[in-house]
């Protein structure tokens, strides 16, 4: 896994992309911190992701990441590109 995930990053996904996120995490060996999030019917758009796992984050944490110039991925394509580089 690339160094990009050495610290917490934000991830914004579209509704109905939760299963694609799960598949991407499995492909790149990113732990599913709360696997039950991928099994329910709810749609979640704000995620936190690092080499330690993936899970939900709120707007306060996302805003903090933004203000701190931390990485925020806007979509799964952007995340996958960073993992490939």
C-alpha atoms as a PDB file:
ATOM      1  CA  UNK A   1       0.000   0.000   0.000  1.00  0.00           C
ATOM      2  CA  UNK A   2       1.273   3.444  -0.858  1.00  0.00           C
ATOM      3  CA  UNK A   3       2.488   5.990   1.684  1.00  0.00           C
ATOM      4  CA  UNK A   4      -0.539   8.175   0.919  1.00  0.00           C
ATOM      5  CA  UNK A   5      -2.500   6.239   3.557  1.00  0.00           C
ATOM      6  CA  UNK A   6       0.105   6.547   6.316  1.00  0.00           C
ATOM      7  CA  UNK A   7      -2.146   9.132   7.952  1.00  0.00           C
ATOM      8  CA  UNK A   8      -5.898   9.605   8.080  1.00  0.00           C
ATOM      9  CA  UNK A   9      -7.369  10.779   4.776  1.00  0.00           C
ATOM     10  CA  UNK A  10     -10.889  11.852   3.988  1.00  0.00           C
ATOM     11  CA  UNK A  11     -12.949  10.171   1.291  1.00  0.00           C
ATOM     12  CA  UNK A  12     -16.184  11.413  -0.258  1.00  0.00           C
ATOM     13  CA  UNK A  13     -18.133   8.858  -2.277  1.00  0.00           C
ATOM     14  CA  UNK A  14     -21.426   8.946  -4.139  1.00  0.00           C
ATOM     15  CA  UNK A  15     -24.505   7.115  -2.872  1.00  0.00           C
ATOM     16  CA  UNK A  16     -24.560   3.471  -3.977  1.00  0.00           C
ATOM     17  CA  UNK A  17     -20.736   3.191  -4.046  1.00  0.00           C
ATOM     18  CA  UNK A  18     -20.366   1.519  -0.682  1.00  0.00           C
ATOM     19  CA  UNK A  19     -19.841  -1.959  -2.159  1.00  0.00           C
ATOM     20  CA  UNK A  20     -17.288  -0.605  -4.633  1.00  0.00           C
ATOM     21  CA  UNK A  21     -15.413   0.906  -1.700  1.00  0.00           C
ATOM     22  CA  UNK A  22     -15.451  -2.436   0.078  1.00  0.00           C
ATOM     23  CA  UNK A  23     -14.068  -4.192  -3.009  1.00  0.00           C
ATOM     24  CA  UNK A  24     -11.316  -1.587  -3.374  1.00  0.00           C
ATOM     25  CA  UNK A  25     -10.339  -1.975   0.287  1.00  0.00           C
ATOM     26  CA  UNK A  26     -10.179  -5.745  -0.042  1.00  0.00           C
ATOM     27  CA  UNK A  27      -8.095  -5.448  -3.233  1.00  0.00           C
ATOM     28  CA  UNK A  28      -5.563  -3.172  -1.524  1.00  0.00           C
ATOM     29  CA  UNK A  29      -5.645  -4.950   1.877  1.00  0.00           C
ATOM     30  CA  UNK A  30      -7.142  -1.983   3.729  1.00  0.00           C
ATOM     31  CA  UNK A  31      -8.823  -3.347   6.880  1.00  0.00           C
ATOM     32  CA  UNK A  32     -12.595  -2.987   7.172  1.00  0.00           C
ATOM     33  CA  UNK A  33     -12.691  -1.492  10.661  1.00  0.00           C
ATOM     34  CA  UNK A  34     -16.477  -1.862  10.901  1.00  0.00           C
ATOM     35  CA  UNK A  35     -17.482  -4.455   8.289  1.00  0.00           C
ATOM     36  CA  UNK A  36     -21.130  -4.185   9.303  1.00  0.00           C
ATOM     37  CA  UNK A  37     -21.243  -0.728   7.658  1.00  0.00           C
ATOM     38  CA  UNK A  38     -21.051  -2.467   4.303  1.00  0.00           C
ATOM     39  CA  UNK A  39     -23.955  -4.806   5.082  1.00  0.00           C
ATOM     40  CA  UNK A  40     -26.688  -2.356   6.026  1.00  0.00           C
ATOM     41  CA  UNK A  41     -29.070  -0.462   3.747  1.00  0.00           C
ATOM     42  CA  UNK A  42     -27.849   3.012   4.719  1.00  0.00           C
ATOM     43  CA  UNK A  43     -25.814   5.158   2.358  1.00  0.00           C
ATOM     44  CA  UNK A  44     -22.763   6.907   3.728  1.00  0.00           C
ATOM     45  CA  UNK A  45     -20.805   9.529   1.814  1.00  0.00           C
ATOM     46  CA  UNK A  46     -18.087  10.656   4.273  1.00  0.00           C
ATOM     47  CA  UNK A  47     -15.380   8.146   5.112  1.00  0.00           C
ATOM     48  CA  UNK A  48     -12.006   8.147   6.784  1.00  0.00           C
ATOM     49  CA  UNK A  49      -9.324   5.872   5.374  1.00  0.00           C
ATOM     50  CA  UNK A  50      -5.761   4.997   6.323  1.00  0.00           C
ATOM     51  CA  UNK A  51      -3.482   1.958   6.299  1.00  0.00           C
ATOM     52  CA  UNK A  52      -5.148   1.040   9.607  1.00  0.00           C
ATOM     53  CA  UNK A  53      -8.645   0.805   8.160  1.00  0.00           C
ATOM     54  CA  UNK A  54     -11.697   2.474   6.717  1.00  0.00           C
ATOM     55  CA  UNK A  55     -14.732   3.810   8.558  1.00  0.00           C
ATOM     56  CA  UNK A  56     -17.177   6.657   8.781  1.00  0.00           C
ATOM     57  CA  UNK A  57     -16.224  10.195   9.725  1.00  0.00           C
ATOM     58  CA  UNK A  58     -18.343  13.260  10.285  1.00  0.00           C
ATOM     59  CA  UNK A  59     -18.318  16.731   8.853  1.00  0.00           C
ATOM     60  CA  UNK A  60     -16.301  18.123  11.784  1.00  0.00           C
ATOM     61  CA  UNK A  61     -13.417  15.734  11.156  1.00  0.00           C
ATOM     62  CA  UNK A  62     -13.646  16.242   7.393  1.00  0.00           C
ATOM     63  CA  UNK A  63     -13.480  20.009   7.902  1.00  0.00           C
ATOM     64  CA  UNK A  64     -10.467  19.591  10.204  1.00  0.00           C
ATOM     65  CA  UNK A  65      -8.702  17.491   7.545  1.00  0.00           C
ATOM     66  CA  UNK A  66      -9.445  20.166   4.961  1.00  0.00           C
ATOM     67  CA  UNK A  67      -8.221  23.036   7.151  1.00  0.00           C
ATOM     68  CA  UNK A  68      -5.072  21.051   7.998  1.00  0.00           C
ATOM     69  CA  UNK A  69      -4.311  20.486   4.298  1.00  0.00           C
ATOM     70  CA  UNK A  70      -4.656  16.737   4.717  1.00  0.00           C
ATOM     71  CA  UNK A  71      -5.579  14.528   1.793  1.00  0.00           C
ATOM     72  CA  UNK A  72      -9.240  14.278   0.875  1.00  0.00           C
ATOM     73  CA  UNK A  73     -10.169  12.006  -1.998  1.00  0.00           C
ATOM     74  CA  UNK A  74     -13.200  13.055  -4.006  1.00  0.00           C
ATOM     75  CA  UNK A  75     -14.350   9.720  -5.357  1.00  0.00           C
ATOM     76  CA  UNK A  76     -13.151   6.170  -5.650  1.00  0.00           C
ATOM     77  CA  UNK A  77     -11.327   6.843  -8.924  1.00  0.00           C
ATOM     78  CA  UNK A  78      -9.155   9.462  -7.235  1.00  0.00           C
ATOM     79  CA  UNK A  79      -8.412   7.112  -4.333  1.00  0.00           C
ATOM     80  CA  UNK A  80      -7.532   4.218  -6.602  1.00  0.00           C
ATOM     81  CA  UNK A  81      -5.256   6.429  -8.700  1.00  0.00           C
ATOM     82  CA  UNK A  82      -3.361   7.476  -5.567  1.00  0.00           C
ATOM     83  CA  UNK A  83      -3.001   3.842  -4.523  1.00  0.00           C
ATOM     84  CA  UNK A  84      -1.636   2.957  -7.977  1.00  0.00           C
ATOM     85  CA  UNK A  85       0.953   5.748  -8.105  1.00  0.00           C
END
